[in-house]
Protein backbone atom coordinates (compact mmCIF):
# COMPACT_ATOMS: atom_id res chain seq x y z
CA MET A 1 -12.49 3.02 -1.57
CA ALA A 2 -9.62 0.53 -1.39
CA LEU A 3 -9.18 0.64 -5.16
CA HIS A 4 -9.25 4.41 -5.10
CA GLY A 5 -6.66 4.40 -2.29
CA ALA A 6 -4.39 2.14 -4.33
CA ASP A 7 -4.67 4.50 -7.31
CA VAL A 8 -3.96 7.51 -5.12
CA ASN A 9 -0.93 5.83 -3.53
CA GLU A 10 0.45 4.98 -6.95
CA LEU A 11 0.03 8.57 -8.11
CA LYS A 12 1.61 9.91 -4.91
CA GLY A 13 4.65 7.75 -5.58
CA GLN A 14 4.96 9.01 -9.12
CA VAL A 15 4.70 12.62 -7.93
CA SER A 16 7.34 12.00 -5.27
CA GLN A 17 9.65 10.39 -7.81
CA LEU A 18 9.25 13.17 -10.35
CA THR A 19 9.66 15.88 -7.72
CA THR A 20 12.92 14.33 -6.55
CA GLU A 21 14.18 14.08 -10.10
CA ARG A 22 13.18 17.68 -10.91
CA ASP A 23 14.79 19.11 -7.78
CA GLY A 24 18.03 17.25 -8.46
CA LEU A 25 18.17 18.49 -12.03
CA LYS A 26 17.40 22.09 -11.05
CA GLN A 27 20.12 22.05 -8.44
CA ARG A 28 22.64 20.51 -10.82
CA ALA A 29 21.86 23.00 -13.59
CA SER A 30 22.17 26.04 -11.33
CA GLU A 31 25.47 24.81 -9.88
CA SER A 32 26.86 24.09 -13.34
CA ASP A 33 25.93 27.58 -14.58
CA LYS A 34 27.54 29.19 -11.54
CA GLN A 35 30.71 27.15 -11.96
CA LEU A 36 31.05 28.02 -15.65
CA ASN A 37 30.55 31.72 -14.97
CA ASP A 38 33.18 31.58 -12.24
CA LEU A 39 35.53 29.83 -14.67
CA LYS A 40 35.14 32.45 -17.36
CA SER A 41 35.94 35.28 -15.02
CA ALA A 42 38.73 33.62 -13.02
CA HIS A 43 40.94 31.91 -15.62
CA LYS A 44 42.79 33.57 -18.41
CA ASP A 45 45.44 30.90 -18.99
CA ASP A 46 44.46 27.95 -21.22
CA LYS A 47 46.21 25.27 -19.08
CA ASP A 48 44.44 26.30 -15.92
CA PHE A 49 41.19 26.52 -17.81
CA GLN A 50 41.46 22.94 -19.14
CA ALA A 51 42.38 21.57 -15.71
CA GLU A 52 39.43 23.36 -14.14
CA ILE A 53 37.06 22.07 -16.83
CA ASP A 54 38.25 18.51 -16.24
CA LYS A 55 37.70 18.94 -12.51
CA LEU A 56 34.21 20.31 -13.09
CA LYS A 57 33.35 17.46 -15.42
CA ALA A 58 34.37 14.98 -12.75
CA ASP A 59 32.35 16.87 -10.13
CA ASN A 60 29.30 16.97 -12.40
CA LYS A 61 29.59 13.23 -13.04
CA ALA A 62 29.72 12.61 -9.29
CA LYS A 63 26.64 14.80 -8.81
CA ASP A 64 24.81 12.95 -11.60
CA ASP A 65 25.62 9.66 -9.90
CA ALA A 66 24.34 11.00 -6.57
CA VAL A 67 21.07 12.17 -8.16
CA SER A 68 20.67 8.80 -9.92
CA LYS A 69 21.22 7.00 -6.62
CA GLN A 70 18.71 9.24 -4.87
CA LEU A 71 16.17 8.66 -7.65
CA LYS A 72 16.71 4.91 -7.44
CA GLU A 73 16.16 5.00 -3.66
CA THR A 74 12.97 7.01 -4.14
CA LYS A 75 11.68 4.49 -6.69
CA LEU A 76 12.58 1.57 -4.42
CA ASN A 77 10.86 3.18 -1.43
CA TYR A 78 7.75 3.98 -3.44
CA GLN A 79 7.53 0.51 -5.02
CA THR A 80 8.13 -1.12 -1.63
CA GLU A 81 5.40 0.92 0.03
CA LEU A 82 2.98 0.21 -2.81
CA ALA A 83 3.70 -3.53 -2.59
CA LEU A 84 3.14 -3.45 1.18
CA VAL A 85 -0.22 -1.73 0.72
CA LYS A 86 -1.24 -4.30 -1.90
CA ALA A 87 -0.08 -7.12 0.40
CA GLY A 88 -2.38 -5.83 3.14
CA ALA A 89 0.15 -4.32 5.55
CA LEU A 90 -1.56 -2.70 8.51
CA ASN A 91 1.44 -0.47 9.24
CA THR A 92 3.64 0.11 6.19
CA LYS A 93 6.44 1.81 8.15
CA ALA A 94 6.80 -1.09 10.55
CA ALA A 95 6.67 -3.68 7.77
CA SER A 96 9.08 -1.65 5.64
CA ALA A 97 11.61 -1.64 8.48
CA LEU A 98 11.74 -5.46 8.29
CA ILE A 99 12.56 -5.52 4.57
CA ASP A 100 16.24 -5.83 3.63
CA LYS A 101 16.68 -2.96 1.16
CA ASP A 102 20.14 -4.20 0.13
CA LYS A 103 18.54 -7.23 -1.53
CA LEU A 104 16.18 -5.10 -3.62
CA ASN A 105 17.05 -4.00 -7.16
CA LEU A 106 15.28 -2.21 -9.99
CA ASP A 107 15.11 -3.94 -13.36
CA GLU A 108 15.13 -2.06 -16.68
CA LYS A 109 11.33 -1.64 -16.57
CA GLY A 110 11.41 -0.05 -13.11
CA ASN A 111 10.04 -3.09 -11.27
CA VAL A 112 11.50 -4.16 -7.94
CA THR A 113 13.14 -7.58 -7.83
CA GLY A 114 13.56 -9.49 -4.59
CA LEU A 115 10.55 -7.93 -2.85
CA ASP A 116 7.97 -10.68 -3.40
CA GLU A 117 10.10 -13.28 -1.62
CA GLN A 118 10.60 -11.01 1.37
CA LEU A 119 6.87 -10.21 1.58
CA LYS A 120 5.95 -13.90 1.50
CA ALA A 121 8.46 -14.57 4.26
CA LEU A 122 7.09 -11.72 6.39
CA LYS A 123 3.48 -12.83 5.92
CA SER A 124 4.26 -16.44 6.86
CA ASP A 125 6.64 -15.78 9.78
CA ASP A 126 4.91 -15.90 13.17
CA SER A 127 6.90 -12.93 14.46
CA SER A 128 5.74 -10.60 11.67
CA LYS A 129 2.48 -11.89 10.21
CA PHE A 130 0.49 -9.74 12.64
CA LEU A 131 1.56 -6.73 10.55
CA PHE A 132 -0.67 -7.88 7.69
CA LYS A 133 -4.41 -8.28 7.32
CA ALA A 134 -5.60 -11.82 7.83
CA GLU A 135 -6.70 -13.52 4.65
CA GLU A 136 -10.46 -13.65 4.63
CA ALA A 137 -12.40 -16.61 3.34
CA PRO A 138 -14.67 -15.72 0.45
CA LYS A 139 -18.12 -14.82 1.68
CA PRO A 140 -20.98 -16.86 0.29
CA GLN A 141 -23.36 -14.97 -1.90
CA ASN A 142 -26.49 -13.81 -0.19
CA THR A 143 -29.32 -16.08 -1.21
CA PRO A 144 -32.90 -15.16 -0.49
CA PRO A 145 -34.73 -17.41 1.96
CA ILE A 146 -37.09 -19.84 0.31
CA THR A 147 -40.38 -20.45 2.11
CA VAL A 148 -43.12 -22.87 1.30
CA SER A 149 -46.49 -21.28 0.81
CA GLY A 150 -49.02 -22.00 3.48
CA ASN A 151 -48.21 -22.93 7.07
CA PRO A 152 -45.17 -25.25 7.05
CA ASN A 153 -45.31 -25.75 10.84
CA PRO A 154 -48.45 -27.55 11.93
CA ASN A 155 -47.87 -26.61 15.58
CA ALA A 156 -47.39 -22.93 14.85
CA ASN A 157 -50.59 -21.99 16.68
CA ALA A 158 -49.43 -23.82 19.80
CA ASN A 159 -46.51 -21.44 20.22
CA GLU A 160 -48.66 -18.32 20.00
CA THR A 161 -49.34 -16.51 23.25
CA LEU A 162 -52.96 -16.10 24.13
CA ASN A 163 -54.30 -12.88 25.50
CA PRO A 164 -55.99 -13.84 28.79
CA ALA A 165 -58.39 -10.94 28.57
CA THR A 166 -59.90 -12.09 25.28
CA ALA A 167 -59.31 -15.87 25.34
CA THR A 168 -61.98 -18.30 26.47
CA TYR A 169 -61.52 -20.67 29.39
CA GLU A 170 -61.15 -23.66 27.05
CA GLU A 171 -58.42 -21.93 24.99
CA LEU A 172 -56.46 -21.03 28.12
CA ALA A 173 -56.78 -24.54 29.55
CA ALA A 174 -55.67 -26.10 26.25
CA SER A 175 -52.62 -23.86 26.00
CA MET A 176 -51.67 -24.57 29.64
CA ALA A 177 -52.03 -28.31 29.11
CA HIS A 178 -49.92 -28.10 25.96
CA GLU A 179 -47.08 -26.24 27.77
CA GLU A 180 -46.71 -28.99 30.42
């Protein structure tokens, strides 16, 4: 179940990332179309038209940068949460609040740099290690009990309880003498 949960969390992060990217692109495309249509109908003079196009290009670049920043934040949040789950965090929101997001960066492959050091510090610090599962010692393999054939305990009969209704007087006396 834990492996399945890790797979599901990874897929949830990818879906979240792609949904954010899609929504940003849809919004940008619809705004750009609206702006261009407004431009066509509003400006007849070439100078005004060029100035407006330059302004729109700058606005679109700013919007692209905002979407890229939002996508980067989504990737960082997803990768951080996934790393916390893999590290054994009992409460990912509480542990995530202790991570300095300003020190995290994405490399060209989409991996988070600077997170492993922070996780090690959180797991070793006395004030935050309670947020993570305790490392368990490996359990020994179950080995079947090995018994010697026959009666390995010569006094095994002495520990048996006699039924007073069916035992003879000598058996009861012997068991009572043995108990003292």
